[in-house]
Amino acid sequence: MTFPDLERCATNAETLDEAIIQANNILEDYMAILERDTGVIPEPTPFNNIAAPEGGIKQRIAVSMQGARRRWANKLINRMVTLPAWLDQKGREAGLNFSQLLQAAVTKALGIKAN
């Protein structure tokens, strides 16, 4: 399944049901990334102006951006942090979770409440 208005956005499935599920998932993510990176979600071509591929069908796919925005806002990002070896060792010995500690420190420094 391809999306006529979105470059390099497509699915590949064995059945129509699988293709629709995959199309829904990829479209949510694609639109969330477009919105995050460009601030713009393009207007879709009207359904009646799209021709079905030879031997194929056309299918409307509608997604709710609210769920995609929430997922992408809470997506975990890997950050490399540099510590002196002795401090890393002491932290490990103490059983510290460095990711949780960094999240707590950053939210405190920014004066915000973590989600």
Protein backbone atom coordinates (compact mmCIF):
# COMPACT_ATOMS: atom_id res chain seq x y z
CA MET A 1 0.00 0.00 0.00
CA THR A 2 1.36 3.43 -0.91
CA PHE A 3 0.35 6.95 0.05
CA PRO A 4 0.18 9.23 -3.01
CA ASP A 5 0.96 12.41 -1.05
CA LEU A 6 3.80 11.05 1.10
CA GLU A 7 7.24 10.25 -0.26
CA ARG A 8 8.75 6.91 0.75
CA CYS A 9 5.73 6.01 2.88
CA ALA A 10 4.45 2.53 2.05
CA THR A 11 3.53 -0.82 3.53
CA ASN A 12 3.93 -4.39 2.38
CA ALA A 13 1.56 -7.07 3.63
CA GLU A 14 0.14 -10.43 2.61
CA THR A 15 -3.54 -9.53 3.04
CA LEU A 16 -5.69 -6.43 2.75
CA ASP A 17 -6.48 -6.54 6.49
CA GLU A 18 -2.77 -6.64 7.35
CA ALA A 19 -2.05 -3.83 4.87
CA ILE A 20 -4.71 -1.61 6.45
CA ILE A 21 -3.33 -2.22 9.97
CA GLN A 22 0.22 -1.54 8.79
CA ALA A 23 -0.91 1.53 6.85
CA ASN A 24 -2.59 2.93 9.94
CA ASN A 25 0.52 2.41 12.06
CA ILE A 26 3.00 3.79 9.54
CA LEU A 27 0.80 6.77 8.70
CA GLU A 28 0.52 7.78 12.38
CA ASP A 29 4.28 7.63 12.82
CA TYR A 30 5.06 9.30 9.50
CA MET A 31 2.70 12.19 10.20
CA ALA A 32 4.03 12.63 13.75
CA ILE A 33 7.60 12.80 12.43
CA LEU A 34 6.60 15.25 9.68
CA GLU A 35 4.82 17.43 12.21
CA ARG A 36 7.76 17.29 14.63
CA ASP A 37 10.41 17.98 12.00
CA THR A 38 8.63 20.48 9.74
CA GLY A 39 5.55 21.62 11.64
CA VAL A 40 3.51 20.85 8.52
CA ILE A 41 1.16 17.99 7.71
CA PRO A 42 0.23 18.18 4.01
CA GLU A 43 -3.38 18.29 2.91
CA PRO A 44 -4.32 14.96 1.36
CA THR A 45 -5.38 14.69 -2.25
CA PRO A 46 -9.17 14.31 -2.37
CA PHE A 47 -10.10 10.62 -2.41
CA ASN A 48 -12.04 10.97 -5.69
CA ASN A 49 -8.94 12.42 -7.41
CA ILE A 50 -6.85 9.31 -6.72
CA ALA A 51 -6.83 6.43 -9.18
CA ALA A 52 -6.48 2.87 -7.94
CA PRO A 53 -3.40 1.10 -9.26
CA GLU A 54 -4.00 -1.42 -12.03
CA GLY A 55 -5.47 -4.55 -10.46
CA GLY A 56 -5.62 -2.85 -7.07
CA ILE A 57 -7.98 -0.86 -4.91
CA LYS A 58 -7.85 2.44 -3.10
CA GLN A 59 -8.53 2.62 0.61
CA ARG A 60 -9.05 5.53 2.97
CA ILE A 61 -6.76 5.51 6.00
CA ALA A 62 -7.57 7.94 8.79
CA VAL A 63 -5.48 8.31 11.92
CA SER A 64 -5.78 10.22 15.17
CA MET A 65 -2.71 12.36 15.69
CA GLN A 66 -3.38 12.69 19.42
CA GLY A 67 -2.11 9.18 20.20
CA ALA A 68 0.88 9.52 17.87
CA ARG A 69 1.86 12.87 19.41
CA ARG A 70 1.69 11.42 22.91
CA ARG A 71 3.77 8.37 21.90
CA TRP A 72 6.44 10.47 20.20
CA ALA A 73 6.57 13.01 23.04
CA ASN A 74 7.28 10.17 25.49
CA LYS A 75 9.68 8.28 23.21
CA LEU A 76 12.88 7.47 25.04
CA ILE A 77 16.03 9.07 23.65
CA ASN A 78 19.46 7.62 24.30
CA ARG A 79 21.96 10.28 25.48
CA MET A 80 25.61 9.64 26.05
CA VAL A 81 26.80 10.99 29.39
CA THR A 82 30.44 11.30 30.36
CA LEU A 83 31.42 10.52 33.96
CA PRO A 84 34.78 9.98 35.60
CA ALA A 85 35.45 6.24 35.91
CA TRP A 86 35.57 6.40 39.71
CA LEU A 87 32.11 8.06 39.85
CA ASP A 88 30.63 5.52 37.46
CA GLN A 89 32.06 2.70 39.59
CA LYS A 90 30.69 4.19 42.84
CA GLY A 91 27.27 4.65 41.24
CA ARG A 92 27.19 1.06 40.01
CA GLU A 93 28.25 -0.22 43.42
CA ALA A 94 25.42 1.79 44.97
CA GLY A 95 22.95 0.29 42.46
CA LEU A 96 22.06 3.65 40.94
CA ASN A 97 19.89 3.75 37.85
CA PHE A 98 21.71 6.46 35.91
CA SER A 99 18.83 6.99 33.46
CA GLN A 100 16.31 7.61 36.24
CA LEU A 101 18.78 9.81 38.11
CA LEU A 102 19.44 11.94 35.03
CA GLN A 103 15.71 12.27 34.27
CA ALA A 104 15.04 13.38 37.84
CA ALA A 105 17.90 15.89 37.76
CA VAL A 106 16.86 17.39 34.40
CA THR A 107 13.19 17.73 35.36
CA LYS A 108 14.22 19.33 38.66
CA ALA A 109 16.62 21.72 36.93
CA LEU A 110 13.89 22.74 34.50
CA GLY A 111 11.30 23.05 37.26
CA ILE A 112 8.87 20.70 35.54
CA LYS A 113 6.96 17.67 36.68
CA ALA A 114 7.84 14.41 34.90
CA ASN A 115 5.10 12.66 32.91
